[in-house]
Protein backbone atom coordinates (compact mmCIF):
# COMPACT_ATOMS: atom_id res chain seq x y z
CA MET A 1 -34.87 -7.00 157.42
CA LEU A 2 -32.66 -8.31 154.61
CA PHE A 3 -28.91 -8.90 154.69
CA LYS A 4 -26.66 -9.05 151.67
CA SER A 5 -25.16 -12.44 150.86
CA GLU A 6 -21.41 -11.89 150.78
CA ILE A 7 -18.91 -13.73 148.60
CA PHE A 8 -17.93 -16.32 151.18
CA ASP A 9 -21.55 -16.88 152.20
CA LYS A 10 -22.16 -18.00 148.63
CA LEU A 11 -18.94 -19.98 148.41
CA GLN A 12 -19.62 -21.92 151.60
CA PHE A 13 -23.11 -22.74 150.35
CA LEU A 14 -21.63 -24.03 147.09
CA PHE A 15 -18.98 -26.04 148.98
CA GLU A 16 -21.85 -28.18 150.25
CA THR A 17 -23.52 -28.27 146.83
CA TYR A 18 -20.36 -29.62 145.20
CA LYS A 19 -19.47 -31.91 148.11
CA PHE A 20 -16.38 -30.25 149.54
CA ASN A 21 -17.74 -29.82 153.08
CA ASP A 22 -21.02 -29.44 154.94
CA HIS A 23 -20.29 -25.81 155.95
CA ASN A 24 -20.66 -26.09 159.75
CA LEU A 25 -18.23 -24.95 162.43
CA HIS A 26 -18.00 -26.81 165.75
CA CYS A 27 -16.91 -26.10 169.30
CA ILE A 28 -16.90 -28.69 172.08
CA ILE A 29 -16.45 -27.66 175.71
CA HIS A 30 -15.97 -30.18 178.53
CA PHE A 31 -16.68 -29.05 182.10
CA ASN A 32 -15.54 -30.19 185.50
CA GLY A 33 -19.01 -30.16 187.02
CA ASN A 34 -22.19 -28.53 185.76
CA ILE A 35 -23.34 -25.35 184.04
CA ASN A 36 -26.59 -23.47 184.71
CA LYS A 37 -28.92 -24.71 181.94
CA THR A 38 -31.54 -21.96 182.29
CA VAL A 39 -28.98 -19.17 182.07
CA LEU A 40 -27.18 -20.89 179.19
CA LYS A 41 -30.38 -21.08 177.14
CA LYS A 42 -31.17 -17.44 177.88
CA ALA A 43 -27.66 -16.38 176.82
CA LEU A 44 -27.90 -18.37 173.58
CA THR A 45 -31.30 -16.85 172.80
CA ILE A 46 -30.02 -13.32 173.39
CA THR A 47 -27.19 -13.85 170.87
CA LEU A 48 -29.84 -14.18 168.15
CA ASP A 49 -30.75 -10.54 168.71
CA VAL A 50 -27.23 -9.25 169.40
CA VAL A 51 -26.10 -10.82 166.09
CA PRO A 52 -29.22 -10.35 163.91
CA ILE A 53 -28.00 -12.43 160.96
CA LEU A 54 -28.06 -15.53 163.20
CA SER A 55 -31.87 -15.33 163.37
CA SER A 56 -32.29 -15.31 159.61
CA LYS A 57 -32.89 -17.74 156.78
CA TYR A 58 -30.89 -17.99 153.56
CA VAL A 59 -32.74 -17.47 150.29
CA GLU A 60 -30.55 -19.01 147.58
CA ASN A 61 -32.64 -19.99 144.59
CA THR A 62 -32.76 -16.49 143.13
CA LYS A 63 -30.72 -14.20 140.90
CA GLU A 64 -28.83 -12.85 143.89
CA PRO A 65 -29.01 -14.76 147.22
CA TYR A 66 -29.78 -12.92 150.45
CA TRP A 67 -30.52 -13.42 154.16
CA GLU A 68 -33.98 -12.67 155.53
CA ARG A 69 -34.45 -11.88 159.23
CA ILE A 70 -36.91 -13.98 161.23
CA ASP A 71 -38.35 -13.16 164.65
CA SER A 72 -35.93 -14.82 167.08
CA SER A 73 -38.79 -15.87 169.38
CA SER A 74 -39.86 -18.42 166.75
CA PHE A 75 -36.75 -20.51 167.38
CA LYS A 76 -37.55 -22.83 170.27
CA ASP A 77 -34.72 -25.37 170.01
CA ILE A 78 -31.56 -23.30 170.02
CA LEU A 79 -30.48 -25.43 173.01
CA THR A 80 -31.28 -29.13 173.23
CA PHE A 81 -30.24 -31.69 175.84
CA ALA A 82 -28.64 -35.10 175.48
CA ASN A 83 -28.73 -37.77 178.18
CA THR A 84 -26.23 -40.14 176.55
CA LYS A 85 -22.91 -39.73 174.74
CA SER A 86 -24.49 -41.34 171.71
CA GLU A 87 -27.15 -38.62 171.54
CA PHE A 88 -24.50 -35.96 172.07
CA ASN A 89 -22.26 -37.39 169.31
CA SER A 90 -25.23 -37.44 166.94
CA PHE A 91 -25.71 -33.72 167.56
CA ILE A 92 -22.01 -33.00 166.94
CA THR A 93 -22.29 -34.41 163.43
CA SER A 94 -25.67 -32.78 162.73
CA ARG A 95 -26.05 -29.54 160.81
CA THR A 96 -27.64 -26.13 160.98
CA ASN A 97 -30.28 -25.45 158.34
CA GLU A 98 -29.51 -22.26 156.43
CA ALA A 99 -32.92 -22.30 154.71
CA THR A 100 -34.90 -22.13 157.97
CA GLY A 101 -32.50 -20.79 160.63
CA PRO A 102 -31.31 -20.22 163.22
CA GLN A 103 -27.71 -20.23 162.05
CA VAL A 104 -26.39 -21.41 165.42
CA LYS A 105 -27.54 -24.16 167.79
CA ALA A 106 -26.21 -25.99 170.84
CA CYS A 107 -26.55 -29.23 172.77
CA LEU A 108 -25.68 -29.92 176.41
CA LEU A 109 -24.78 -33.41 177.56
CA ASN A 110 -26.31 -33.89 181.01
CA SER A 111 -23.72 -35.61 183.17
CA SER A 112 -21.83 -35.30 186.42
CA ASN A 113 -19.40 -33.37 184.20
CA ASP A 114 -21.39 -31.54 181.50
CA SER A 115 -20.25 -31.17 177.89
CA LEU A 116 -21.46 -28.49 175.50
CA CYS A 117 -21.37 -28.54 171.69
CA ILE A 118 -22.09 -25.41 169.67
CA LEU A 119 -22.63 -25.49 165.90
CA MET A 120 -22.37 -22.40 163.70
CA ASN A 121 -23.19 -22.17 160.00
CA HIS A 122 -19.82 -21.61 158.26
CA MET A 123 -21.63 -19.34 155.77
CA ILE A 124 -21.94 -16.81 158.60
CA CYS A 125 -18.30 -16.69 159.64
CA ASP A 126 -14.91 -18.38 159.79
CA ALA A 127 -13.16 -19.82 162.85
CA ALA A 128 -11.94 -16.40 164.05
CA GLY A 129 -15.49 -15.05 163.84
CA PHE A 130 -16.82 -18.12 165.65
CA LYS A 131 -14.35 -17.47 168.47
CA GLU A 132 -15.76 -13.97 168.89
CA TYR A 133 -19.26 -15.44 169.06
CA LEU A 134 -18.14 -17.90 171.76
CA TYR A 135 -16.57 -15.09 173.79
CA LEU A 136 -19.81 -13.10 173.44
CA LEU A 137 -21.83 -16.11 174.65
CA CYS A 138 -19.57 -16.53 177.69
CA SER A 139 -19.82 -12.83 178.54
CA LEU A 140 -23.62 -12.95 178.30
CA TYR A 141 -23.83 -16.09 180.44
CA SER A 142 -21.55 -14.70 183.14
CA ASN A 143 -23.37 -11.36 183.31
CA LEU A 144 -26.81 -13.01 183.33
CA LEU A 145 -25.74 -15.32 186.16
CA LYS A 146 -24.83 -12.28 188.25
CA ASN A 147 -27.75 -10.14 187.03
CA PRO A 148 -30.80 -11.93 185.51
CA GLY A 149 -32.00 -8.62 184.11
CA TYR A 150 -28.79 -7.97 182.18
CA THR A 151 -29.37 -6.57 178.68
CA VAL A 152 -27.15 -5.74 175.70
CA LYS A 153 -27.78 -2.64 173.60
CA HIS A 154 -24.83 -3.11 171.24
CA LEU A 155 -25.41 -5.11 168.05
CA LEU A 156 -22.79 -7.13 166.19
CA ASN A 157 -24.05 -6.08 162.79
CA GLY A 158 -21.24 -4.38 160.83
CA ASP A 159 -19.75 -4.78 157.35
CA ARG A 160 -19.33 -8.46 156.43
CA SER A 161 -17.71 -7.89 153.02
CA ILE A 162 -14.18 -9.07 152.18
CA ASP A 163 -13.60 -5.52 150.94
CA VAL A 164 -12.76 -4.84 154.60
CA ILE A 165 -9.48 -6.53 153.67
CA ASN A 166 -9.22 -5.73 149.94
CA ASN A 167 -9.50 -1.98 150.59
CA LYS A 168 -6.34 -2.11 152.72
CA PHE A 169 -4.26 -2.80 149.61
CA SER A 170 -3.40 -0.62 146.65
CA PHE A 171 -4.31 -1.55 143.09
CA LYS A 172 -0.58 -2.07 142.45
CA ASP A 173 -0.26 -4.59 145.31
CA LYS A 174 -3.34 -6.51 144.18
CA PHE A 175 -2.23 -6.55 140.54
CA LYS A 176 1.24 -7.71 141.55
CA THR A 177 0.00 -10.60 143.66
CA LEU A 178 -2.43 -11.62 140.92
CA MET A 179 0.26 -11.65 138.22
CA LEU A 180 3.27 -12.97 140.13
CA GLN A 181 1.78 -15.31 142.73
CA GLY A 182 -0.70 -17.31 140.69
CA LYS A 183 0.35 -20.60 142.27
CA GLU A 184 -0.06 -19.40 145.84
CA SER A 185 -3.75 -20.28 145.93
CA ASN A 186 -4.01 -23.02 143.31
CA GLY A 187 -0.55 -24.39 142.53
CA PHE A 188 -1.00 -27.61 144.45
CA ILE A 189 0.19 -31.13 143.84
CA ASP A 190 -2.67 -33.58 143.35
CA LEU A 191 -2.27 -35.88 146.36
CA ASN A 192 -4.87 -38.10 148.01
CA PHE A 193 -4.93 -39.04 151.68
CA PRO A 194 -5.68 -42.80 151.76
CA MET A 195 -9.43 -43.35 152.09
CA SER A 196 -11.80 -46.26 151.74
CA SER A 197 -13.45 -46.64 148.33
CA GLU A 198 -16.64 -48.05 149.90
CA LYS A 199 -19.74 -45.95 149.34
CA GLU A 200 -20.93 -46.25 152.95
CA ALA A 201 -20.15 -42.94 154.67
CA LYS A 202 -21.31 -41.42 157.94
CA PRO A 203 -19.99 -38.21 159.52
CA PHE A 204 -17.54 -38.59 162.38
CA ILE A 205 -14.93 -36.60 164.29
CA LEU A 206 -11.67 -38.01 165.63
CA THR A 207 -9.50 -36.12 168.11
CA HIS A 208 -5.94 -36.40 169.37
CA GLU A 209 -4.92 -34.48 172.47
CA ILE A 210 -1.44 -33.17 173.31
CA PRO A 211 -1.25 -32.75 177.11
CA GLU A 212 0.09 -29.64 178.80
CA ASP A 213 3.61 -30.89 179.58
CA ARG A 214 4.17 -32.01 175.97
CA PHE A 215 2.67 -28.82 174.56
CA LEU A 216 4.95 -26.69 176.74
CA SER A 217 7.93 -28.67 175.39
CA ILE A 218 6.79 -27.95 171.84
CA LYS A 219 6.46 -24.24 172.68
CA LYS A 220 9.98 -24.30 174.13
CA TYR A 221 11.25 -25.89 170.91
CA CYS A 222 9.53 -23.15 168.90
CA LYS A 223 11.09 -20.41 171.00
CA SER A 224 14.61 -21.83 170.76
CA HIS A 225 14.35 -22.29 166.98
CA LYS A 226 12.51 -18.98 166.38
CA ILE A 227 9.59 -20.65 164.64
CA THR A 228 5.85 -20.93 165.23
CA ILE A 229 3.47 -23.66 166.41
CA ASN A 230 2.07 -23.52 162.87
CA ASP A 231 5.54 -24.27 161.43
CA VAL A 232 6.07 -27.21 163.77
CA THR A 233 2.64 -28.72 163.12
CA LEU A 234 2.94 -28.29 159.38
CA ALA A 235 6.39 -29.92 159.42
CA ALA A 236 5.07 -32.88 161.43
CA PHE A 237 2.09 -33.10 159.05
CA TYR A 238 4.42 -33.24 156.05
CA ARG A 239 6.61 -35.91 157.60
CA ALA A 240 3.59 -38.04 158.51
CA LEU A 241 2.30 -37.72 154.93
CA TYR A 242 5.74 -38.65 153.58
CA LYS A 243 5.59 -41.90 155.54
CA ILE A 244 2.02 -42.63 154.50
CA LEU A 245 2.29 -41.73 150.81
CA ASN A 246 6.00 -42.46 150.25
CA LYS A 247 6.30 -39.39 147.99
CA ASN A 248 8.94 -36.66 148.11
CA GLU A 249 6.88 -33.88 146.49
CA LEU A 250 4.09 -32.93 148.87
CA SER A 251 1.50 -30.17 149.08
CA ILE A 252 -0.80 -28.90 151.84
CA SER A 253 -3.37 -26.11 151.71
CA VAL A 254 -3.01 -23.82 154.75
CA ALA A 255 -5.73 -21.49 156.08
CA VAL A 256 -4.79 -17.83 156.69
CA ASP A 257 -6.78 -15.38 158.81
CA MET A 258 -6.71 -12.17 156.78
CA ARG A 259 -7.55 -10.09 159.85
CA LYS A 260 -3.77 -9.98 160.29
CA TYR A 261 -3.84 -6.99 157.91
CA LEU A 262 -6.25 -4.98 160.06
CA LYS A 263 -4.92 -2.58 162.68
CA ASP A 264 -8.28 -2.72 164.47
CA LYS A 265 -9.47 -6.31 164.33
CA ASN A 266 -12.77 -5.47 166.00
CA ILE A 267 -14.85 -5.23 162.81
CA ASN A 268 -18.17 -5.54 164.67
CA ALA A 269 -19.44 -8.37 162.48
CA LEU A 270 -19.39 -12.12 162.12
CA THR A 271 -17.95 -12.85 158.69
CA ASN A 272 -15.54 -14.99 156.69
CA LEU A 273 -12.12 -13.37 156.25
CA SER A 274 -9.99 -16.48 155.77
CA ALA A 275 -7.96 -17.31 152.71
CA THR A 276 -5.90 -20.37 151.83
CA VAL A 277 -2.36 -20.64 150.52
CA ILE A 278 -0.62 -23.63 149.02
CA SER A 279 2.51 -24.91 150.71
CA ASN A 280 4.69 -27.19 148.58
CA LEU A 281 7.60 -29.11 150.07
CA ASN A 282 10.24 -31.56 148.94
CA ILE A 283 11.27 -34.07 151.59
CA GLU A 284 14.43 -36.14 151.27
CA ALA A 285 14.79 -39.54 152.91
CA ASN A 286 17.55 -38.37 155.26
CA ASP A 287 15.89 -35.08 156.30
CA THR A 288 15.66 -34.59 160.05
CA PHE A 289 12.70 -32.88 161.70
CA ASP A 290 14.85 -29.75 162.05
CA ASP A 291 15.50 -29.84 158.29
CA THR A 292 11.81 -30.10 157.50
CA VAL A 293 10.71 -27.38 159.91
CA ARG A 294 13.40 -25.06 158.47
CA LYS A 295 12.03 -25.64 154.95
CA VAL A 296 8.49 -24.97 156.15
CA ASN A 297 9.52 -21.82 158.01
CA ASN A 298 11.40 -20.44 155.00
CA ASP A 299 8.46 -21.13 152.70
CA MET A 300 5.89 -19.53 155.02
CA ASN A 301 8.10 -16.51 155.76
CA LEU A 302 8.48 -15.88 152.03
CA LYS A 303 4.70 -16.01 151.63
CA LYS A 304 4.24 -13.62 154.56
CA LYS A 305 6.59 -11.09 152.95
CA ASN A 306 4.45 -11.18 149.81
CA PHE A 307 1.03 -10.48 151.35
CA ILE A 308 0.11 -14.05 152.21
CA GLY A 309 -3.49 -14.88 151.30
CA LEU A 310 -4.13 -11.78 149.17
CA ASN A 311 -3.88 -13.71 145.90
CA ALA A 312 -6.90 -15.83 146.85
CA PHE A 313 -8.96 -12.77 147.88
CA VAL A 314 -8.17 -10.91 144.65
CA LYS A 315 -9.10 -13.92 142.50
CA ILE A 316 -12.36 -14.68 144.25
CA SER A 317 -13.37 -11.00 144.23
CA LEU A 318 -12.75 -10.81 140.48
CA LEU A 319 -14.75 -13.99 139.89
CA PHE A 320 -17.86 -12.59 141.54
CA LYS A 321 -17.44 -9.13 139.96
CA LEU A 322 -17.01 -10.42 136.42
CA PHE A 323 -19.73 -13.08 136.46
CA SER A 324 -23.29 -13.37 137.72
CA TYR A 325 -24.03 -15.73 140.59
CA LYS A 326 -25.75 -18.12 138.17
CA HIS A 327 -22.64 -18.19 135.97
CA VAL A 328 -20.31 -18.65 138.96
CA LYS A 329 -22.35 -21.70 139.99
CA LYS A 330 -21.85 -23.19 136.53
CA LEU A 331 -18.13 -22.43 136.53
CA LEU A 332 -17.65 -24.08 139.93
CA LYS A 333 -19.79 -27.06 138.96
CA ASN A 334 -17.66 -27.70 135.88
CA GLY A 335 -14.29 -26.74 137.32
CA PHE A 336 -14.46 -26.98 141.10
CA LYS A 337 -10.96 -27.83 142.25
CA ASN A 338 -9.82 -27.56 145.84
CA PRO A 339 -6.62 -29.03 147.29
CA LEU A 340 -7.37 -32.46 148.69
CA ILE A 341 -5.21 -32.13 151.82
CA GLY A 342 -5.35 -29.11 154.11
CA MET A 343 -4.59 -27.72 157.55
CA THR A 344 -6.25 -25.02 159.63
CA ASN A 345 -4.59 -23.69 162.75
CA ILE A 346 -7.51 -22.18 164.65
CA GLY A 347 -5.07 -21.18 167.37
CA ILE A 348 -5.63 -20.31 171.01
CA LEU A 349 -9.02 -20.29 172.69
CA ASP A 350 -8.44 -17.60 175.31
CA SER A 351 -9.25 -19.15 178.70
CA LYS A 352 -9.83 -15.65 180.14
CA ARG A 353 -12.62 -15.03 177.60
CA LEU A 354 -13.89 -18.56 176.99
CA CYS A 355 -15.13 -19.02 180.55
CA PHE A 356 -18.54 -19.39 182.13
CA GLU A 357 -18.97 -17.83 185.58
CA GLY A 358 -19.04 -20.51 188.27
CA ALA A 359 -18.22 -23.37 185.87
CA GLN A 360 -14.77 -24.88 185.34
CA ILE A 361 -13.71 -25.96 181.85
CA SER A 362 -11.41 -28.96 181.62
CA ASN A 363 -10.81 -28.60 177.87
CA ALA A 364 -12.28 -26.87 174.84
CA PHE A 365 -11.56 -27.13 171.13
CA MET A 366 -12.89 -26.02 167.78
CA PHE A 367 -12.91 -27.62 164.37
CA GLY A 368 -14.32 -26.88 160.95
CA SER A 369 -16.71 -28.48 158.53
CA MET A 370 -17.22 -32.18 157.94
CA LYS A 371 -15.29 -33.01 154.76
CA TYR A 372 -16.52 -35.24 151.99
CA LYS A 373 -14.15 -37.74 150.40
CA PRO A 374 -11.54 -37.32 149.03
CA TYR A 375 -10.94 -34.11 151.03
CA PHE A 376 -8.92 -34.29 154.25
CA GLN A 377 -8.24 -31.50 156.76
CA LEU A 378 -6.31 -31.37 160.02
CA ALA A 379 -7.45 -28.72 162.52
CA LEU A 380 -5.77 -27.68 165.76
CA THR A 381 -6.68 -25.51 168.71
CA SER A 382 -5.26 -25.01 172.18
CA TYR A 383 -6.94 -24.19 175.48
CA ASN A 384 -5.02 -23.73 178.73
CA ASN A 385 -1.93 -25.27 177.12
CA ILE A 386 -3.76 -28.40 175.97
CA MET A 387 -3.58 -28.79 172.19
CA THR A 388 -6.28 -30.76 170.38
CA PHE A 389 -6.02 -32.05 166.83
CA THR A 390 -9.19 -32.96 164.99
CA VAL A 391 -10.07 -34.61 161.69
CA ASN A 392 -13.71 -34.86 160.62
CA LEU A 393 -15.01 -36.74 157.62
CA TYR A 394 -17.93 -38.50 155.98
CA GLY A 395 -16.37 -41.96 156.03
CA ASN A 396 -16.37 -45.45 157.57
CA SER A 397 -14.42 -47.66 159.98
CA LYS A 398 -11.51 -48.06 157.54
CA ASP A 399 -11.21 -44.28 157.24
CA LYS A 400 -11.19 -44.01 161.04
CA GLU A 401 -8.38 -46.56 161.17
CA ASN A 402 -6.34 -44.58 158.61
CA ILE A 403 -6.82 -41.34 160.54
CA GLU A 404 -5.87 -42.92 163.87
CA ASN A 405 -2.69 -44.19 162.19
CA PHE A 406 -2.05 -40.68 160.89
CA PHE A 407 -2.47 -39.21 164.40
CA SER A 408 0.06 -41.74 165.73
CA LEU A 409 2.62 -40.77 163.09
CA LEU A 410 1.95 -37.04 163.63
CA ASP A 411 2.47 -37.39 167.39
CA LYS A 412 5.76 -39.23 166.92
CA GLU A 413 7.07 -36.47 164.64
CA LEU A 414 6.28 -33.61 167.05
CA PRO A 415 9.15 -32.49 169.33
CA ASN A 416 9.21 -34.06 172.81
């Protein structure tokens, strides 16, 4: 069985080729106690058949790339075990192999309180798609624990094309956003987050947790000011950057889940439907946090009124329609230009769906691909009113120090 390689499958592959990121999505789940290892492995294995593209390999070096299905029984190491945190951390920064499959793998840290890390090839889906996979895994695990003979007849194997979104808009709307909002997806200010110039670079992830009481205070602030968690985080991000870079004109690339335009968000497929928009902000020395968050809110509301994210989808669709894959590769190689600083709000991990029968989760969070210098991305998720920030990078001890300093400044800017 062959699967078509969609636009974002190709783009994510090329992001690794041109050293933007290593195209892997991550989820880490910490338990209070233990999880049934046998049932977990069985549930993971079943997902390879429920989502057929996961048990495939990517064939890229051809006129038009494609996915080729492989018998799922050939994959023996979808779940591995770590006995030390060092082994577990090494898995977290490892990668799936698109050329051999499978496109998902997991590692369980054996402990008095288990921890589970799941990696998904970003070529397969975005964060919202990965969430759906995690919820599927939890459902399978819980049903298998109650009934070892449990089977699933339904396949998650629908349309993965971004036309699922593009077809929701008229030609007039797409033409308008292309002509009038050219800077929404590429009008960024060239700013660098401070990074070490040393060549030594190893992948790492750093996290910063906002406990429940603080997170509830932030949510209360949002409600009273009629703004979103995204607005507050972006405002704090800007103010931290202002202190680090000492520049008034700032720019951050913000991820947008384009499923917002679908009435029925159950598209029965794992796919990439995320765009990015460029947020530009001017910060004055005497601006308060309220001033900054108001500027952010006004900017994002204006973008939302004008089909936020559509500009990027229209441009990328045109690129792949007008040029062959071989030509697109050359264009990106010669003119690859992504914003250097970005943010992705992955949002809430639903504790009613991200749950394993008989096992208690103390915290769970997701984050995106490992970035290569000079790219920097802040990710955030929340689970049971605990918010976790993550930054992941191929860097060194100096880079870790800079990011820890950034987390400290970000925390101080957030409402108490």
